């Protein structure tokens, strides 16, 4: 029994390192995707798209390792919770990488169109979403439930910014019909950034569950109350 416990602990430690390596790749992808959007840099966008191949491979590898632990070693209590959370974070990271690729694809299309300056609100929104992803992963590394709650509380900030960006783009399209195609690509990019923040929130909620055993999803009032109480 002791030997089995040590084996599970070793396997979970290996998984932990692999999910951190994957998270570093994904963070770079979303940072590069936004800078490609800001500068309309098609070459940087290509690099983001190419990086997705390795992320997908890592995602499948980590998922298989998690499933093998669940099937063969049948972890319980904290080990079971940790395995499940790694599996869920793995999925969220892969989805974030896909969103970075989607933004990069918008850049490829935008590079063929007349340039529209990146909206200041979009820049702030992207900075917030990128920071949320980084903070959620830091909370996972340090098992910091309070830091995870702070991530959750920032999601509304990104949602509000997304609505502002959409309103601004609508006005741009109404006043300049030649900008419609480019504005629609920015519309999509804004939505992809907003979805990144949603996935960062998912990761943060999973950290809360990992640390405290409390399912935080759909309990915004509880998250806010506990954060204010600290």
C-alpha atoms as a PDB file:
ATOM      1  CA  UNK A   1       0.000   0.000   0.000  1.00  0.00           C
ATOM      2  CA  UNK A   2       2.862   2.372   0.858  1.00  0.00           C
ATOM      3  CA  UNK A   3       4.543   1.497  -2.435  1.00  0.00           C
ATOM      4  CA  UNK A   4       1.337   2.276  -4.355  1.00  0.00           C
ATOM      5  CA  UNK A   5       0.997   5.611  -2.541  1.00  0.00           C
ATOM      6  CA  UNK A   6       4.552   6.566  -3.450  1.00  0.00           C
ATOM      7  CA  UNK A   7       3.955   5.587  -7.073  1.00  0.00           C
ATOM      8  CA  UNK A   8       0.835   7.753  -7.292  1.00  0.00           C
ATOM      9  CA  UNK A   9       2.695  10.663  -5.702  1.00  0.00           C
ATOM     10  CA  UNK A  10       5.530  10.276  -8.208  1.00  0.00           C
ATOM     11  CA  UNK A  11       3.138  10.108 -11.158  1.00  0.00           C
ATOM     12  CA  UNK A  12       1.250  13.166  -9.954  1.00  0.00           C
ATOM     13  CA  UNK A  13       4.506  15.085  -9.566  1.00  0.00           C
ATOM     14  CA  UNK A  14       5.409  14.201 -13.150  1.00  0.00           C
ATOM     15  CA  UNK A  15       1.964  15.341 -14.302  1.00  0.00           C
ATOM     16  CA  UNK A  16       2.395  18.582 -12.383  1.00  0.00           C
ATOM     17  CA  UNK A  17       5.637  19.363 -14.212  1.00  0.00           C
ATOM     18  CA  UNK A  18       4.122  18.498 -17.575  1.00  0.00           C
ATOM     19  CA  UNK A  19       1.074  20.705 -17.064  1.00  0.00           C
ATOM     20  CA  UNK A  20       3.399  23.567 -16.073  1.00  0.00           C
ATOM     21  CA  UNK A  21       5.438  23.080 -19.254  1.00  0.00           C
ATOM     22  CA  UNK A  22       2.244  23.131 -21.293  1.00  0.00           C
ATOM     23  CA  UNK A  23       0.977  26.228 -19.491  1.00  0.00           C
ATOM     24  CA  UNK A  24       4.202  28.092 -20.324  1.00  0.00           C
ATOM     25  CA  UNK A  25       3.688  27.297 -24.003  1.00  0.00           C
ATOM     26  CA  UNK A  26       0.066  28.415 -23.920  1.00  0.00           C
ATOM     27  CA  UNK A  27       0.884  31.672 -22.129  1.00  0.00           C
ATOM     28  CA  UNK A  28       3.447  32.470 -24.825  1.00  0.00           C
ATOM     29  CA  UNK A  29       0.924  31.656 -27.539  1.00  0.00           C
ATOM     30  CA  UNK A  30      -1.708  34.059 -26.218  1.00  0.00           C
ATOM     31  CA  UNK A  31       0.860  36.812 -25.664  1.00  0.00           C
ATOM     32  CA  UNK A  32       2.228  36.349 -29.200  1.00  0.00           C
ATOM     33  CA  UNK A  33      -1.283  36.182 -30.669  1.00  0.00           C
ATOM     34  CA  UNK A  34      -2.221  39.534 -29.165  1.00  0.00           C
ATOM     35  CA  UNK A  35       1.028  41.184 -30.238  1.00  0.00           C
ATOM     36  CA  UNK A  36       0.489  39.800 -33.733  1.00  0.00           C
ATOM     37  CA  UNK A  37      -2.992  41.363 -33.681  1.00  0.00           C
ATOM     38  CA  UNK A  38      -1.655  44.665 -32.400  1.00  0.00           C
ATOM     39  CA  UNK A  39       1.092  44.857 -35.016  1.00  0.00           C
ATOM     40  CA  UNK A  40      -0.732  42.886 -37.740  1.00  0.00           C
ATOM     41  CA  UNK A  41       2.331  40.649 -37.853  1.00  0.00           C
ATOM     42  CA  UNK A  42       1.513  37.697 -40.126  1.00  0.00           C
ATOM     43  CA  UNK A  43       4.818  35.948 -39.398  1.00  0.00           C
ATOM     44  CA  UNK A  44       4.198  35.982 -35.652  1.00  0.00           C
ATOM     45  CA  UNK A  45       0.660  34.760 -36.307  1.00  0.00           C
ATOM     46  CA  UNK A  46       2.114  31.827 -38.275  1.00  0.00           C
ATOM     47  CA  UNK A  47       4.357  30.961 -35.335  1.00  0.00           C
ATOM     48  CA  UNK A  48       1.327  30.858 -33.020  1.00  0.00           C
ATOM     49  CA  UNK A  49      -0.531  28.560 -35.397  1.00  0.00           C
ATOM     50  CA  UNK A  50       2.445  26.219 -35.677  1.00  0.00           C
ATOM     51  CA  UNK A  51       2.835  26.036 -31.878  1.00  0.00           C
ATOM     52  CA  UNK A  52      -0.627  24.539 -31.586  1.00  0.00           C
ATOM     53  CA  UNK A  53       0.588  21.198 -32.934  1.00  0.00           C
ATOM     54  CA  UNK A  54       2.839  20.622 -29.921  1.00  0.00           C
ATOM     55  CA  UNK A  55       0.185  21.839 -27.485  1.00  0.00           C
ATOM     56  CA  UNK A  56      -2.299  19.348 -28.915  1.00  0.00           C
ATOM     57  CA  UNK A  57       0.237  16.543 -28.567  1.00  0.00           C
ATOM     58  CA  UNK A  58       0.945  17.482 -24.963  1.00  0.00           C
ATOM     59  CA  UNK A  59      -2.770  17.704 -24.195  1.00  0.00           C
ATOM     60  CA  UNK A  60      -3.360  14.154 -25.437  1.00  0.00           C
ATOM     61  CA  UNK A  61      -0.310  12.852 -23.566  1.00  0.00           C
ATOM     62  CA  UNK A  62      -1.353  14.435 -20.274  1.00  0.00           C
ATOM     63  CA  UNK A  63      -4.945  13.220 -20.658  1.00  0.00           C
ATOM     64  CA  UNK A  64      -3.733   9.668 -21.274  1.00  0.00           C
ATOM     65  CA  UNK A  65      -1.516   9.825 -18.189  1.00  0.00           C
ATOM     66  CA  UNK A  66      -4.408  11.052 -16.054  1.00  0.00           C
ATOM     67  CA  UNK A  67      -6.693   8.303 -17.320  1.00  0.00           C
ATOM     68  CA  UNK A  68      -4.010   5.700 -16.687  1.00  0.00           C
ATOM     69  CA  UNK A  69      -3.623   6.875 -13.084  1.00  0.00           C
ATOM     70  CA  UNK A  70      -7.390   6.750 -12.578  1.00  0.00           C
ATOM     71  CA  UNK A  71      -7.734   3.290 -14.132  1.00  0.00           C
ATOM     72  CA  UNK A  72      -4.669   1.526 -12.777  1.00  0.00           C
ATOM     73  CA  UNK A  73      -3.940   3.182  -9.446  1.00  0.00           C
ATOM     74  CA  UNK A  74      -7.442   4.225  -8.414  1.00  0.00           C
ATOM     75  CA  UNK A  75      -6.441   7.254  -6.332  1.00  0.00           C
ATOM     76  CA  UNK A  76      -8.702   8.428  -3.522  1.00  0.00           C
ATOM     77  CA  UNK A  77      -9.299  11.647  -1.577  1.00  0.00           C
ATOM     78  CA  UNK A  78      -6.711  14.356  -2.302  1.00  0.00           C
ATOM     79  CA  UNK A  79      -4.911  12.314  -4.964  1.00  0.00           C
ATOM     80  CA  UNK A  80      -8.149  11.708  -6.839  1.00  0.00           C
ATOM     81  CA  UNK A  81      -9.052  15.382  -6.664  1.00  0.00           C
ATOM     82  CA  UNK A  82      -5.610  16.395  -7.897  1.00  0.00           C
ATOM     83  CA  UNK A  83      -5.764  14.002 -10.846  1.00  0.00           C
ATOM     84  CA  UNK A  84      -9.203  15.234 -11.889  1.00  0.00           C
ATOM     85  CA  UNK A  85      -8.158  18.886 -11.623  1.00  0.00           C
ATOM     86  CA  UNK A  86      -5.048  18.318 -13.768  1.00  0.00           C
ATOM     87  CA  UNK A  87      -7.296  16.663 -16.346  1.00  0.00           C
ATOM     88  CA  UNK A  88      -9.657  19.649 -16.357  1.00  0.00           C
ATOM     89  CA  UNK A  89      -6.906  22.282 -16.438  1.00  0.00           C
ATOM     90  CA  UNK A  90      -5.292  20.376 -19.284  1.00  0.00           C
ATOM     91  CA  UNK A  91      -8.506  20.736 -21.281  1.00  0.00           C
ATOM     92  CA  UNK A  92      -8.841  24.441 -20.496  1.00  0.00           C
ATOM     93  CA  UNK A  93      -5.254  25.098 -21.572  1.00  0.00           C
ATOM     94  CA  UNK A  94      -5.835  23.336 -24.878  1.00  0.00           C
ATOM     95  CA  UNK A  95      -8.950  25.437 -25.465  1.00  0.00           C
ATOM     96  CA  UNK A  96      -7.044  28.637 -24.657  1.00  0.00           C
ATOM     97  CA  UNK A  97      -4.390  27.624 -27.188  1.00  0.00           C
ATOM     98  CA  UNK A  98      -7.135  27.094 -29.773  1.00  0.00           C
ATOM     99  CA  UNK A  99      -8.416  30.606 -29.080  1.00  0.00           C
ATOM    100  CA  UNK A 100      -4.905  31.991 -29.584  1.00  0.00           C
ATOM    101  CA  UNK A 101      -4.820  30.218 -32.948  1.00  0.00           C
ATOM    102  CA  UNK A 102      -8.202  31.717 -33.822  1.00  0.00           C
ATOM    103  CA  UNK A 103      -6.826  35.198 -33.126  1.00  0.00           C
ATOM    104  CA  UNK A 104      -3.742  34.425 -35.215  1.00  0.00           C
ATOM    105  CA  UNK A 105      -5.995  33.398 -38.093  1.00  0.00           C
ATOM    106  CA  UNK A 106      -7.819  36.725 -37.815  1.00  0.00           C
ATOM    107  CA  UNK A 107      -4.412  38.436 -38.072  1.00  0.00           C
ATOM    108  CA  UNK A 108      -3.678  36.564 -41.299  1.00  0.00           C
ATOM    109  CA  UNK A 109      -6.900  37.910 -42.771  1.00  0.00           C
ATOM    110  CA  UNK A 110      -6.365  41.423 -41.409  1.00  0.00           C
ATOM    111  CA  UNK A 111      -2.928  41.626 -43.000  1.00  0.00           C
ATOM    112  CA  UNK A 112      -4.678  41.748 -46.393  1.00  0.00           C
ATOM    113  CA  UNK A 113      -6.978  44.632 -45.385  1.00  0.00           C
ATOM    114  CA  UNK A 114      -6.670  48.324 -44.620  1.00  0.00           C
ATOM    115  CA  UNK A 115      -5.447  48.747 -41.083  1.00  0.00           C
ATOM    116  CA  UNK A 116      -7.707  49.737 -38.202  1.00  0.00           C
ATOM    117  CA  UNK A 117      -5.832  50.936 -35.106  1.00  0.00           C
ATOM    118  CA  UNK A 118      -6.194  48.529 -32.193  1.00  0.00           C
ATOM    119  CA  UNK A 119      -8.788  49.912 -29.823  1.00  0.00           C
ATOM    120  CA  UNK A 120      -7.487  51.008 -26.422  1.00  0.00           C
ATOM    121  CA  UNK A 121     -10.274  49.063 -24.719  1.00  0.00           C
ATOM    122  CA  UNK A 122      -9.290  45.930 -26.641  1.00  0.00           C
ATOM    123  CA  UNK A 123      -5.684  46.354 -25.526  1.00  0.00           C
ATOM    124  CA  UNK A 124      -6.719  46.674 -21.870  1.00  0.00           C
ATOM    125  CA  UNK A 125      -9.091  43.743 -22.224  1.00  0.00           C
ATOM    126  CA  UNK A 126      -6.338  41.561 -23.680  1.00  0.00           C
ATOM    127  CA  UNK A 127      -3.911  42.598 -20.933  1.00  0.00           C
ATOM    128  CA  UNK A 128      -6.492  41.650 -18.298  1.00  0.00           C
ATOM    129  CA  UNK A 129      -7.327  38.296 -19.881  1.00  0.00           C
ATOM    130  CA  UNK A 130      -3.649  37.389 -20.306  1.00  0.00           C
ATOM    131  CA  UNK A 131      -2.985  38.390 -16.687  1.00  0.00           C
ATOM    132  CA  UNK A 132      -5.938  36.240 -15.558  1.00  0.00           C
ATOM    133  CA  UNK A 133      -4.526  33.169 -17.289  1.00  0.00           C
ATOM    134  CA  UNK A 134      -1.126  33.727 -15.689  1.00  0.00           C
ATOM    135  CA  UNK A 135      -2.609  34.383 -12.255  1.00  0.00           C
ATOM    136  CA  UNK A 136      -4.853  31.304 -12.432  1.00  0.00           C
ATOM    137  CA  UNK A 137      -1.871  29.112 -13.246  1.00  0.00           C
ATOM    138  CA  UNK A 138       0.194  30.722 -10.474  1.00  0.00           C
ATOM    139  CA  UNK A 139      -2.663  29.986  -8.074  1.00  0.00           C
ATOM    140  CA  UNK A 140      -2.518  26.355  -9.179  1.00  0.00           C
ATOM    141  CA  UNK A 141       1.248  26.170  -8.677  1.00  0.00           C
ATOM    142  CA  UNK A 142       1.044  27.673  -5.193  1.00  0.00           C
ATOM    143  CA  UNK A 143      -2.310  26.098  -4.273  1.00  0.00           C
ATOM    144  CA  UNK A 144      -3.561  29.589  -3.435  1.00  0.00           C
ATOM    145  CA  UNK A 145      -7.352  29.656  -3.218  1.00  0.00           C
ATOM    146  CA  UNK A 146      -7.508  33.358  -2.400  1.00  0.00           C
ATOM    147  CA  UNK A 147      -5.477  34.268  -5.506  1.00  0.00           C
ATOM    148  CA  UNK A 148      -7.827  32.032  -7.493  1.00  0.00           C
ATOM    149  CA  UNK A 149     -10.826  33.958  -6.151  1.00  0.00           C
ATOM    150  CA  UNK A 150      -9.245  37.206  -7.318  1.00  0.00           C
ATOM    151  CA  UNK A 151      -9.054  35.757 -10.825  1.00  0.00           C
ATOM    152  CA  UNK A 152     -12.744  34.847 -10.731  1.00  0.00           C
ATOM    153  CA  UNK A 153     -13.677  38.366  -9.694  1.00  0.00           C
ATOM    154  CA  UNK A 154     -11.928  39.863 -12.755  1.00  0.00           C
ATOM    155  CA  UNK A 155     -14.067  37.987 -15.274  1.00  0.00           C
ATOM    156  CA  UNK A 156     -16.814  40.635 -15.200  1.00  0.00           C
ATOM    157  CA  UNK A 157     -14.196  43.259 -16.025  1.00  0.00           C
ATOM    158  CA  UNK A 158     -13.350  41.436 -19.261  1.00  0.00           C
ATOM    159  CA  UNK A 159     -17.037  40.891 -20.094  1.00  0.00           C
ATOM    160  CA  UNK A 160     -17.692  44.629 -19.729  1.00  0.00           C
ATOM    161  CA  UNK A 161     -14.693  45.477 -21.919  1.00  0.00           C
ATOM    162  CA  UNK A 162     -15.894  43.031 -24.570  1.00  0.00           C
ATOM    163  CA  UNK A 163     -19.256  44.808 -24.729  1.00  0.00           C
ATOM    164  CA  UNK A 164     -17.500  48.167 -25.067  1.00  0.00           C
ATOM    165  CA  UNK A 165     -15.321  46.885 -27.890  1.00  0.00           C
ATOM    166  CA  UNK A 166     -18.330  45.485 -29.748  1.00  0.00           C
ATOM    167  CA  UNK A 167     -20.226  48.784 -29.392  1.00  0.00           C
ATOM    168  CA  UNK A 168     -17.225  50.717 -30.666  1.00  0.00           C
ATOM    169  CA  UNK A 169     -16.753  48.397 -33.650  1.00  0.00           C
ATOM    170  CA  UNK A 170     -20.411  48.732 -34.543  1.00  0.00           C
ATOM    171  CA  UNK A 171     -20.015  52.504 -34.662  1.00  0.00           C
ATOM    172  CA  UNK A 172     -16.917  52.136 -36.841  1.00  0.00           C
ATOM    173  CA  UNK A 173     -18.822  49.942 -39.308  1.00  0.00           C
ATOM    174  CA  UNK A 174     -21.750  52.364 -39.401  1.00  0.00           C
ATOM    175  CA  UNK A 175     -19.547  55.349 -40.240  1.00  0.00           C
ATOM    176  CA  UNK A 176     -17.154  53.630 -42.645  1.00  0.00           C
ATOM    177  CA  UNK A 177     -18.493  50.799 -44.788  1.00  0.00           C
ATOM    178  CA  UNK A 178     -14.999  50.006 -46.097  1.00  0.00           C
ATOM    179  CA  UNK A 179     -13.949  49.002 -42.581  1.00  0.00           C
ATOM    180  CA  UNK A 180     -16.682  46.380 -42.107  1.00  0.00           C
ATOM    181  CA  UNK A 181     -14.599  43.315 -42.993  1.00  0.00           C
ATOM    182  CA  UNK A 182     -11.676  44.349 -40.786  1.00  0.00           C
ATOM    183  CA  UNK A 183     -14.021  45.320 -37.949  1.00  0.00           C
ATOM    184  CA  UNK A 184     -15.641  41.891 -38.059  1.00  0.00           C
ATOM    185  CA  UNK A 185     -12.247  40.239 -37.616  1.00  0.00           C
ATOM    186  CA  UNK A 186     -11.620  42.453 -34.565  1.00  0.00           C
ATOM    187  CA  UNK A 187     -15.103  41.560 -33.340  1.00  0.00           C
ATOM    188  CA  UNK A 188     -14.119  37.870 -33.476  1.00  0.00           C
ATOM    189  CA  UNK A 189     -10.754  38.536 -31.809  1.00  0.00           C
ATOM    190  CA  UNK A 190     -12.481  40.352 -28.949  1.00  0.00           C
ATOM    191  CA  UNK A 191     -14.808  37.404 -28.448  1.00  0.00           C
ATOM    192  CA  UNK A 192     -11.861  34.990 -28.427  1.00  0.00           C
ATOM    193  CA  UNK A 193     -10.101  37.080 -25.770  1.00  0.00           C
ATOM    194  CA  UNK A 194     -13.276  37.108 -23.672  1.00  0.00           C
ATOM    195  CA  UNK A 195     -13.423  33.310 -23.911  1.00  0.00           C
ATOM    196  CA  UNK A 196      -9.802  33.079 -22.724  1.00  0.00           C
ATOM    197  CA  UNK A 197     -10.850  34.897 -19.568  1.00  0.00           C
ATOM    198  CA  UNK A 198     -13.694  32.398 -19.122  1.00  0.00           C
ATOM    199  CA  UNK A 199     -11.226  29.505 -19.285  1.00  0.00           C
ATOM    200  CA  UNK A 200      -8.909  31.283 -16.843  1.00  0.00           C
ATOM    201  CA  UNK A 201     -11.894  31.535 -14.497  1.00  0.00           C
ATOM    202  CA  UNK A 202     -12.535  27.806 -14.938  1.00  0.00           C
ATOM    203  CA  UNK A 203      -8.945  27.065 -13.913  1.00  0.00           C
ATOM    204  CA  UNK A 204      -9.233  29.368 -10.898  1.00  0.00           C
ATOM    205  CA  UNK A 205     -12.451  27.673  -9.790  1.00  0.00           C
ATOM    206  CA  UNK A 206     -10.751  24.305 -10.120  1.00  0.00           C
ATOM    207  CA  UNK A 207      -7.921  25.542  -7.893  1.00  0.00           C
ATOM    208  CA  UNK A 208     -10.453  26.510  -5.226  1.00  0.00           C
ATOM    209  CA  UNK A 209     -11.911  23.008  -5.439  1.00  0.00           C
ATOM    210  CA  UNK A 210      -8.453  21.417  -5.287  1.00  0.00           C
ATOM    211  CA  UNK A 211      -7.460  23.391  -2.185  1.00  0.00           C
ATOM    212  CA  UNK A 212     -10.736  23.527  -0.285  1.00  0.00           C
ATOM    213  CA  UNK A 213     -12.883  20.744  -1.744  1.00  0.00           C
ATOM    214  CA  UNK A 214     -15.537  23.356  -2.589  1.00  0.00           C
ATOM    215  CA  UNK A 215     -17.069  23.535  -6.055  1.00  0.00           C
ATOM    216  CA  UNK A 216     -16.888  27.253  -6.817  1.00  0.00           C
ATOM    217  CA  UNK A 217     -18.494  27.209 -10.268  1.00  0.00           C
ATOM    218  CA  UNK A 218     -21.840  29.073 -10.386  1.00  0.00           C
ATOM    219  CA  UNK A 219     -21.276  30.403  -6.856  1.00  0.00           C
ATOM    220  CA  UNK A 220     -20.122  33.964  -7.569  1.00  0.00           C
ATOM    221  CA  UNK A 221     -21.760  35.345  -4.422  1.00  0.00           C
ATOM    222  CA  UNK A 222     -19.883  32.816  -2.270  1.00  0.00           C
ATOM    223  CA  UNK A 223     -16.603  33.627  -3.975  1.00  0.00           C
ATOM    224  CA  UNK A 224     -17.118  37.345  -3.426  1.00  0.00           C
ATOM    225  CA  UNK A 225     -18.157  36.948   0.207  1.00  0.00           C
ATOM    226  CA  UNK A 226     -15.166  34.785   1.100  1.00  0.00           C
ATOM    227  CA  UNK A 227     -12.783  37.108  -0.724  1.00  0.00           C
ATOM    228  CA  UNK A 228     -14.109  40.164   1.103  1.00  0.00           C
ATOM    229  CA  UNK A 229     -13.901  38.329   4.398  1.00  0.00           C
ATOM    230  CA  UNK A 230     -10.167  37.713   4.081  1.00  0.00           C
END
